[in-house]
Amino acid sequence: MKLLPAIDLIGGRCVRLAQGDFARETVYSDDPAAALADFASGGAAEAHLVDLDGARAGSPRQHDLFVALAQSSALNLQVAGGFRTAEQVAAVLDCGVSRVVIGSLALADPAAFAALLDRFGSDRLTLALDVRLEGGAAMVAVHGWKVGSGRTLGEVLRQFPTVRHLLVTDIVTDGMLSGPNVALMTSVMSEFPSVELQVSGGVATLDDLAALRATGAARAIVGKAIWERRFTVAEGVAHARG
């Protein structure tokens, strides 16, 4: 399993939100390029960047920053935040970004997301599904986690059999340092063993990384635990790898 250190960006600043709530924002740095350099020096090969301004607006807002970071960093960058069109996706891929995360579009317009998969290939796109457990079922949420889609993770994912990279965020644990939902991720890998699962939400300790590695997940996205120095990137990389 690989560790993906995460940077959430608002106005170019590195922040974290608790459970996606913009009113619960903590600012950690105003220098994302330096943060990426630190990640690289710790042995990370990839990083996960989120344009929170773009996520809130429904279209990318920090394109120039993404491009500058992709061109200056030694890391492979996966970026997210408001991507809806082929033009938006192409603009960052053409400038050196490795993968683009798509979430809301896949729920709102499955045909459009399928067309993006056909155009860019399954290795350049990550399907992101934010879930909340309801009666034991992993229900997908939309619109900044405020609204339930009425569909399970499995129902959505089965629409896109060519998806390779799947990012699952457990809403309840995101940004809370309460531990990841290992049972949920184990269930996802059991039902969809061919996907490369990215886990987001809740990692607080090195033991959490070891537990996620045991699920068969391919990547663990970790933000707050690194920013709050619960462990170093180097320690995280080593425990994720096993």
C-alpha atoms as a PDB file:
ATOM      1  CA  MET A   1       0.000   0.000   0.000  1.00  0.00           C
ATOM      2  CA  LYS A   2       1.146   3.523  -0.765  1.00  0.00           C
ATOM      3  CA  LEU A   3       0.808   6.577   1.444  1.00  0.00           C
ATOM      4  CA  LEU A   4      -0.646   9.647  -0.254  1.00  0.00           C
ATOM      5  CA  PRO A   5      -0.081  12.734   1.902  1.00  0.00           C
ATOM      6  CA  ALA A   6      -2.947  15.148   1.334  1.00  0.00           C
ATOM      7  CA  ILE A   7      -3.205  18.903   0.961  1.00  0.00           C
ATOM      8  CA  ASP A   8      -6.574  20.637   0.988  1.00  0.00           C
ATOM      9  CA  LEU A   9      -6.316  24.099  -0.531  1.00  0.00           C
ATOM     10  CA  ILE A  10      -8.361  27.237   0.028  1.00  0.00           C
ATOM     11  CA  GLY A  11      -6.989  30.353  -1.636  1.00  0.00           C
ATOM     12  CA  GLY A  12      -3.592  28.695  -1.982  1.00  0.00           C
ATOM     13  CA  ARG A  13      -3.352  27.889   1.737  1.00  0.00           C
ATOM     14  CA  CYS A  14      -3.007  24.382   3.138  1.00  0.00           C
ATOM     15  CA  VAL A  15      -5.998  23.677   5.373  1.00  0.00           C
ATOM     16  CA  ARG A  16      -8.044  20.842   6.806  1.00  0.00           C
ATOM     17  CA  LEU A  17     -11.774  20.682   7.360  1.00  0.00           C
ATOM     18  CA  ALA A  18     -13.546  18.552   9.955  1.00  0.00           C
ATOM     19  CA  GLN A  19     -16.100  16.315   8.202  1.00  0.00           C
ATOM     20  CA  GLY A  20     -16.055  18.611   5.158  1.00  0.00           C
ATOM     21  CA  ASP A  21     -17.392  21.590   7.124  1.00  0.00           C
ATOM     22  CA  PHE A  22     -16.010  24.887   5.805  1.00  0.00           C
ATOM     23  CA  ALA A  23     -16.865  26.489   9.143  1.00  0.00           C
ATOM     24  CA  ARG A  24     -14.434  24.093  10.847  1.00  0.00           C
ATOM     25  CA  GLU A  25     -11.256  25.039   8.990  1.00  0.00           C
ATOM     26  CA  THR A  26      -7.709  24.837  10.328  1.00  0.00           C
ATOM     27  CA  VAL A  27      -4.898  26.567   8.394  1.00  0.00           C
ATOM     28  CA  TYR A  28      -1.555  24.766   8.499  1.00  0.00           C
ATOM     29  CA  SER A  29       0.611  26.476   5.884  1.00  0.00           C
ATOM     30  CA  ASP A  30       0.585  29.052   3.108  1.00  0.00           C
ATOM     31  CA  ASP A  31       3.298  27.236   1.114  1.00  0.00           C
ATOM     32  CA  PRO A  32       2.010  24.066  -0.588  1.00  0.00           C
ATOM     33  CA  ALA A  33       5.174  23.756  -2.695  1.00  0.00           C
ATOM     34  CA  ALA A  34       7.274  23.472   0.451  1.00  0.00           C
ATOM     35  CA  ALA A  35       4.842  20.910   1.836  1.00  0.00           C
ATOM     36  CA  LEU A  36       5.189  18.768  -1.284  1.00  0.00           C
ATOM     37  CA  ALA A  37       8.963  19.000  -1.031  1.00  0.00           C
ATOM     38  CA  ASP A  38       8.734  17.766   2.553  1.00  0.00           C
ATOM     39  CA  PHE A  39       6.518  14.886   1.456  1.00  0.00           C
ATOM     40  CA  ALA A  40       9.044  13.913  -1.213  1.00  0.00           C
ATOM     41  CA  SER A  41      11.937  14.059   1.235  1.00  0.00           C
ATOM     42  CA  GLY A  42       9.990  11.684   3.470  1.00  0.00           C
ATOM     43  CA  GLY A  43       9.825   9.106   0.702  1.00  0.00           C
ATOM     44  CA  ALA A  44       6.327   9.692  -0.688  1.00  0.00           C
ATOM     45  CA  ALA A  45       5.938   9.141  -4.424  1.00  0.00           C
ATOM     46  CA  GLU A  46       2.470  10.658  -4.787  1.00  0.00           C
ATOM     47  CA  ALA A  47       0.311  13.318  -3.164  1.00  0.00           C
ATOM     48  CA  HIS A  48      -3.390  14.121  -3.140  1.00  0.00           C
ATOM     49  CA  LEU A  49      -4.439  17.749  -3.655  1.00  0.00           C
ATOM     50  CA  VAL A  50      -7.964  19.094  -3.223  1.00  0.00           C
ATOM     51  CA  ASP A  51      -9.143  22.468  -4.530  1.00  0.00           C
ATOM     52  CA  LEU A  52     -11.767  23.167  -1.876  1.00  0.00           C
ATOM     53  CA  ASP A  53     -12.679  26.447  -3.567  1.00  0.00           C
ATOM     54  CA  GLY A  54     -13.415  24.468  -6.716  1.00  0.00           C
ATOM     55  CA  ALA A  55     -15.340  21.792  -4.848  1.00  0.00           C
ATOM     56  CA  ARG A  56     -17.575  24.452  -3.326  1.00  0.00           C
ATOM     57  CA  ALA A  57     -18.017  26.347  -6.614  1.00  0.00           C
ATOM     58  CA  GLY A  58     -18.563  23.287  -8.788  1.00  0.00           C
ATOM     59  CA  SER A  59     -15.663  24.114 -11.127  1.00  0.00           C
ATOM     60  CA  PRO A  60     -11.871  24.333 -10.627  1.00  0.00           C
ATOM     61  CA  ARG A  61     -10.649  27.567  -9.020  1.00  0.00           C
ATOM     62  CA  GLN A  62      -6.947  26.892  -8.399  1.00  0.00           C
ATOM     63  CA  HIS A  63      -5.868  25.634 -11.828  1.00  0.00           C
ATOM     64  CA  ASP A  64      -2.744  27.808 -12.023  1.00  0.00           C
ATOM     65  CA  LEU A  65      -1.583  26.581  -8.631  1.00  0.00           C
ATOM     66  CA  PHE A  66      -2.110  22.946  -9.610  1.00  0.00           C
ATOM     67  CA  VAL A  67      -0.104  23.492 -12.778  1.00  0.00           C
ATOM     68  CA  ALA A  68       2.737  25.224 -10.938  1.00  0.00           C
ATOM     69  CA  LEU A  69       2.895  22.460  -8.344  1.00  0.00           C
ATOM     70  CA  ALA A  70       2.775  19.685 -10.953  1.00  0.00           C
ATOM     71  CA  GLN A  71       5.613  21.274 -12.887  1.00  0.00           C
ATOM     72  CA  SER A  72       7.807  21.957  -9.851  1.00  0.00           C
ATOM     73  CA  SER A  73       7.240  18.875  -7.682  1.00  0.00           C
ATOM     74  CA  ALA A  74       8.963  15.532  -7.971  1.00  0.00           C
ATOM     75  CA  LEU A  75       5.760  13.815  -6.836  1.00  0.00           C
ATOM     76  CA  ASN A  76       2.971  12.398  -8.960  1.00  0.00           C
ATOM     77  CA  LEU A  77      -0.061  14.517  -8.151  1.00  0.00           C
ATOM     78  CA  GLN A  78      -3.668  13.433  -7.951  1.00  0.00           C
ATOM     79  CA  VAL A  79      -5.990  16.446  -7.937  1.00  0.00           C
ATOM     80  CA  ALA A  80      -9.635  16.962  -7.025  1.00  0.00           C
ATOM     81  CA  GLY A  81     -12.154  19.743  -6.718  1.00  0.00           C
ATOM     82  CA  GLY A  82     -14.959  20.704  -9.042  1.00  0.00           C
ATOM     83  CA  PHE A  83     -13.907  18.897 -12.202  1.00  0.00           C
ATOM     84  CA  ARG A  84     -16.921  18.420 -14.463  1.00  0.00           C
ATOM     85  CA  THR A  85     -15.810  18.654 -18.118  1.00  0.00           C
ATOM     86  CA  ALA A  86     -13.329  17.021 -20.453  1.00  0.00           C
ATOM     87  CA  GLU A  87     -11.716  20.411 -21.037  1.00  0.00           C
ATOM     88  CA  GLN A  88     -11.098  20.914 -17.330  1.00  0.00           C
ATOM     89  CA  VAL A  89      -9.610  17.434 -16.986  1.00  0.00           C
ATOM     90  CA  ALA A  90      -7.418  17.797 -20.062  1.00  0.00           C
ATOM     91  CA  ALA A  91      -6.114  21.166 -18.891  1.00  0.00           C
ATOM     92  CA  VAL A  92      -4.453  19.711 -15.802  1.00  0.00           C
ATOM     93  CA  LEU A  93      -3.432  16.361 -17.295  1.00  0.00           C
ATOM     94  CA  ASP A  94      -1.694  18.159 -20.138  1.00  0.00           C
ATOM     95  CA  CYS A  95       0.292  20.188 -17.594  1.00  0.00           C
ATOM     96  CA  GLY A  96       1.721  17.254 -15.695  1.00  0.00           C
ATOM     97  CA  VAL A  97      -0.927  16.129 -13.204  1.00  0.00           C
ATOM     98  CA  SER A  98      -1.065  12.335 -12.957  1.00  0.00           C
ATOM     99  CA  ARG A  99      -4.732  11.714 -12.085  1.00  0.00           C
ATOM    100  CA  VAL A 100      -7.938  13.694 -11.723  1.00  0.00           C
ATOM    101  CA  VAL A 101     -10.593  12.798  -9.179  1.00  0.00           C
ATOM    102  CA  ILE A 102     -14.228  12.847 -10.292  1.00  0.00           C
ATOM    103  CA  GLY A 103     -17.076  12.509  -7.833  1.00  0.00           C
ATOM    104  CA  SER A 104     -20.234  14.556  -8.272  1.00  0.00           C
ATOM    105  CA  LEU A 105     -20.315  14.197 -12.060  1.00  0.00           C
ATOM    106  CA  ALA A 106     -20.409  10.417 -11.874  1.00  0.00           C
ATOM    107  CA  LEU A 107     -23.545  10.629  -9.739  1.00  0.00           C
ATOM    108  CA  ALA A 108     -25.247  13.439 -11.653  1.00  0.00           C
ATOM    109  CA  ASP A 109     -24.381  12.346 -15.194  1.00  0.00           C
ATOM    110  CA  PRO A 110     -23.075   8.762 -15.432  1.00  0.00           C
ATOM    111  CA  ALA A 111     -22.864   8.937 -19.224  1.00  0.00           C
ATOM    112  CA  ALA A 112     -20.589  11.979 -19.030  1.00  0.00           C
ATOM    113  CA  PHE A 113     -18.266  10.248 -16.576  1.00  0.00           C
ATOM    114  CA  ALA A 114     -18.205   7.116 -18.730  1.00  0.00           C
ATOM    115  CA  ALA A 115     -17.215   9.311 -21.675  1.00  0.00           C
ATOM    116  CA  LEU A 116     -14.333  10.747 -19.637  1.00  0.00           C
ATOM    117  CA  LEU A 117     -13.144   7.223 -18.846  1.00  0.00           C
ATOM    118  CA  ASP A 118     -13.224   6.377 -22.543  1.00  0.00           C
ATOM    119  CA  ARG A 119     -11.337   9.516 -23.512  1.00  0.00           C
ATOM    120  CA  PHE A 120      -8.651   9.667 -20.823  1.00  0.00           C
ATOM    121  CA  GLY A 121      -8.351   6.039 -19.739  1.00  0.00           C
ATOM    122  CA  SER A 122      -8.919   4.367 -16.404  1.00  0.00           C
ATOM    123  CA  ASP A 123      -5.419   5.134 -15.110  1.00  0.00           C
ATOM    124  CA  ARG A 124      -5.860   8.910 -15.338  1.00  0.00           C
ATOM    125  CA  LEU A 125      -9.178   9.208 -13.488  1.00  0.00           C
ATOM    126  CA  THR A 126     -10.196   8.332  -9.936  1.00  0.00           C
ATOM    127  CA  LEU A 127     -13.833   7.802  -9.032  1.00  0.00           C
ATOM    128  CA  ALA A 128     -14.515   9.334  -5.613  1.00  0.00           C
ATOM    129  CA  LEU A 129     -17.472   8.145  -3.560  1.00  0.00           C
ATOM    130  CA  ASP A 130     -18.255   9.702  -0.193  1.00  0.00           C
ATOM    131  CA  VAL A 131     -20.267   7.329   1.932  1.00  0.00           C
ATOM    132  CA  ARG A 132     -22.207   7.228   5.172  1.00  0.00           C
ATOM    133  CA  LEU A 133     -23.264   3.939   6.726  1.00  0.00           C
ATOM    134  CA  GLU A 134     -27.034   3.677   7.043  1.00  0.00           C
ATOM    135  CA  GLY A 135     -28.450   0.459   8.413  1.00  0.00           C
ATOM    136  CA  GLY A 136     -25.207  -1.274   7.517  1.00  0.00           C
ATOM    137  CA  ALA A 137     -25.283  -0.098   3.886  1.00  0.00           C
ATOM    138  CA  ALA A 138     -22.650   2.254   2.453  1.00  0.00           C
ATOM    139  CA  MET A 139     -24.860   5.024   1.077  1.00  0.00           C
ATOM    140  CA  VAL A 140     -23.290   7.586  -1.247  1.00  0.00           C
ATOM    141  CA  ALA A 141     -23.708  11.252  -0.312  1.00  0.00           C
ATOM    142  CA  VAL A 142     -23.554  14.262  -2.653  1.00  0.00           C
ATOM    143  CA  HIS A 143     -23.543  18.080  -2.548  1.00  0.00           C
ATOM    144  CA  GLY A 144     -20.815  18.471   0.036  1.00  0.00           C
ATOM    145  CA  TRP A 145     -22.050  15.467   1.996  1.00  0.00           C
ATOM    146  CA  LYS A 146     -25.291  17.254   2.854  1.00  0.00           C
ATOM    147  CA  VAL A 147     -27.612  15.143   0.681  1.00  0.00           C
ATOM    148  CA  GLY A 148     -27.984  11.396   0.333  1.00  0.00           C
ATOM    149  CA  SER A 149     -28.091  10.030  -3.204  1.00  0.00           C
ATOM    150  CA  GLY A 150     -30.321   7.097  -2.244  1.00  0.00           C
ATOM    151  CA  ARG A 151     -27.792   4.752  -3.853  1.00  0.00           C
ATOM    152  CA  THR A 152     -25.234   2.399  -2.389  1.00  0.00           C
ATOM    153  CA  LEU A 153     -21.559   2.410  -3.227  1.00  0.00           C
ATOM    154  CA  GLY A 154     -21.969  -0.910  -5.007  1.00  0.00           C
ATOM    155  CA  GLU A 155     -24.853   0.331  -7.146  1.00  0.00           C
ATOM    156  CA  VAL A 156     -22.817   3.306  -8.323  1.00  0.00           C
ATOM    157  CA  LEU A 157     -19.572   1.446  -8.927  1.00  0.00           C
ATOM    158  CA  ARG A 158     -21.219  -1.318 -10.948  1.00  0.00           C
ATOM    159  CA  GLN A 159     -22.222   1.331 -13.499  1.00  0.00           C
ATOM    160  CA  PHE A 160     -18.563   1.834 -14.364  1.00  0.00           C
ATOM    161  CA  PRO A 161     -16.904  -1.546 -14.881  1.00  0.00           C
ATOM    162  CA  THR A 162     -13.726   0.017 -16.315  1.00  0.00           C
ATOM    163  CA  VAL A 163     -12.956   2.084 -13.201  1.00  0.00           C
ATOM    164  CA  ARG A 164      -9.518   1.202 -11.873  1.00  0.00           C
ATOM    165  CA  HIS A 165      -8.956   3.816  -9.154  1.00  0.00           C
ATOM    166  CA  LEU A 166     -11.683   4.164  -6.501  1.00  0.00           C
ATOM    167  CA  LEU A 167     -11.463   6.660  -3.643  1.00  0.00           C
ATOM    168  CA  VAL A 168     -13.805   5.941  -0.745  1.00  0.00           C
ATOM    169  CA  THR A 169     -14.233   8.509   2.026  1.00  0.00           C
ATOM    170  CA  ASP A 170     -16.101   7.597   5.178  1.00  0.00           C
ATOM    171  CA  ILE A 171     -17.805  10.898   6.009  1.00  0.00           C
ATOM    172  CA  VAL A 172     -18.111  10.164   9.713  1.00  0.00           C
ATOM    173  CA  THR A 173     -14.371   9.696  10.208  1.00  0.00           C
ATOM    174  CA  ASP A 174     -13.002  12.336   7.801  1.00  0.00           C
ATOM    175  CA  GLY A 175     -10.791  14.866   9.560  1.00  0.00           C
ATOM    176  CA  MET A 176     -11.657  13.461  12.982  1.00  0.00           C
ATOM    177  CA  LEU A 177      -8.544  11.361  13.762  1.00  0.00           C
ATOM    178  CA  SER A 178     -10.905   8.704  15.095  1.00  0.00           C
ATOM    179  CA  GLY A 179      -9.519   5.772  13.143  1.00  0.00           C
ATOM    180  CA  PRO A 180     -10.507   4.549   9.665  1.00  0.00           C
ATOM    181  CA  ASN A 181     -13.520   2.395   8.922  1.00  0.00           C
ATOM    182  CA  VAL A 182     -11.590  -0.812   8.351  1.00  0.00           C
ATOM    183  CA  ALA A 183     -14.725  -2.949   8.132  1.00  0.00           C
ATOM    184  CA  LEU A 184     -16.116  -0.794   5.326  1.00  0.00           C
ATOM    185  CA  MET A 185     -12.904  -0.942   3.330  1.00  0.00           C
ATOM    186  CA  THR A 186     -12.654  -4.697   3.828  1.00  0.00           C
ATOM    187  CA  SER A 187     -16.177  -5.044   2.470  1.00  0.00           C
ATOM    188  CA  VAL A 188     -15.385  -2.894  -0.564  1.00  0.00           C
ATOM    189  CA  MET A 189     -12.300  -4.955  -1.402  1.00  0.00           C
ATOM    190  CA  SER A 190     -14.239  -8.183  -0.946  1.00  0.00           C
ATOM    191  CA  GLU A 191     -16.942  -7.090  -3.381  1.00  0.00           C
ATOM    192  CA  PHE A 192     -14.652  -5.308  -5.870  1.00  0.00           C
ATOM    193  CA  PRO A 193     -11.223  -6.978  -5.653  1.00  0.00           C
ATOM    194  CA  SER A 194     -10.047  -5.657  -9.024  1.00  0.00           C
ATOM    195  CA  VAL A 195     -10.161  -1.970  -8.091  1.00  0.00           C
ATOM    196  CA  GLU A 196      -7.215  -0.065  -6.657  1.00  0.00           C
ATOM    197  CA  LEU A 197      -8.876   1.262  -3.528  1.00  0.00           C
ATOM    198  CA  GLN A 198      -7.865   4.582  -2.041  1.00  0.00           C
ATOM    199  CA  VAL A 199      -8.980   5.048   1.569  1.00  0.00           C
ATOM    200  CA  SER A 200      -9.695   8.489   2.985  1.00  0.00           C
ATOM    201  CA  GLY A 201     -10.842   9.423   6.457  1.00  0.00           C
ATOM    202  CA  GLY A 202      -9.841   8.793  10.037  1.00  0.00           C
ATOM    203  CA  VAL A 203      -6.192   7.713   9.937  1.00  0.00           C
ATOM    204  CA  ALA A 204      -4.557   8.829  13.179  1.00  0.00           C
ATOM    205  CA  THR A 205      -1.837   6.289  13.941  1.00  0.00           C
ATOM    206  CA  LEU A 206       0.666   4.026  12.276  1.00  0.00           C
ATOM    207  CA  ASP A 207      -1.408   1.067  13.439  1.00  0.00           C
ATOM    208  CA  ASP A 208      -4.299   2.481  11.391  1.00  0.00           C
ATOM    209  CA  LEU A 209      -2.121   2.260   8.289  1.00  0.00           C
ATOM    210  CA  ALA A 210      -1.207  -1.338   9.060  1.00  0.00           C
ATOM    211  CA  ALA A 211      -4.900  -2.175   9.469  1.00  0.00           C
ATOM    212  CA  LEU A 212      -5.758  -0.583   6.140  1.00  0.00           C
ATOM    213  CA  ARG A 213      -2.908  -2.381   4.407  1.00  0.00           C
ATOM    214  CA  ALA A 214      -4.412  -5.663   5.600  1.00  0.00           C
ATOM    215  CA  THR A 215      -7.678  -4.852   3.794  1.00  0.00           C
ATOM    216  CA  GLY A 216      -5.908  -4.949   0.428  1.00  0.00           C
ATOM    217  CA  ALA A 217      -6.289  -1.219  -0.196  1.00  0.00           C
ATOM    218  CA  ALA A 218      -3.801   0.222  -2.670  1.00  0.00           C
ATOM    219  CA  ARG A 219      -3.441   3.704  -1.172  1.00  0.00           C
ATOM    220  CA  ALA A 220      -4.171   5.538   2.058  1.00  0.00           C
ATOM    221  CA  ILE A 221      -4.810   9.270   1.806  1.00  0.00           C
ATOM    222  CA  VAL A 222      -3.639  10.961   4.994  1.00  0.00           C
ATOM    223  CA  GLY A 223      -3.926  14.643   5.784  1.00  0.00           C
ATOM    224  CA  LYS A 224      -4.607  15.746   9.329  1.00  0.00           C
ATOM    225  CA  ALA A 225      -2.465  13.104  11.043  1.00  0.00           C
ATOM    226  CA  ILE A 226       0.556  14.304   9.062  1.00  0.00           C
ATOM    227  CA  TRP A 227      -0.194  17.998   9.469  1.00  0.00           C
ATOM    228  CA  GLU A 228      -0.628  17.546  13.217  1.00  0.00           C
ATOM    229  CA  ARG A 229       2.547  15.470  13.430  1.00  0.00           C
ATOM    230  CA  ARG A 230       0.958  12.289  14.699  1.00  0.00           C
ATOM    231  CA  PHE A 231       3.632  10.570  12.611  1.00  0.00           C
ATOM    232  CA  THR A 232       6.114  11.599   9.937  1.00  0.00           C
ATOM    233  CA  VAL A 233       5.713  10.994   6.230  1.00  0.00           C
ATOM    234  CA  ALA A 234       8.713   8.668   6.352  1.00  0.00           C
ATOM    235  CA  GLU A 235       7.099   6.615   9.133  1.00  0.00           C
ATOM    236  CA  GLY A 236       3.812   6.560   7.262  1.00  0.00           C
ATOM    237  CA  VAL A 237       5.423   5.439   4.022  1.00  0.00           C
ATOM    238  CA  ALA A 238       7.179   2.608   5.804  1.00  0.00           C
ATOM    239  CA  HIS A 239       4.066   1.378   7.629  1.00  0.00           C
ATOM    240  CA  ALA A 240       1.912   1.643   4.551  1.00  0.00           C
ATOM    241  CA  ARG A 241       4.399  -0.428   2.581  1.00  0.00           C
ATOM    242  CA  GLY A 242       4.700  -3.017   5.344  1.00  0.00           C
END
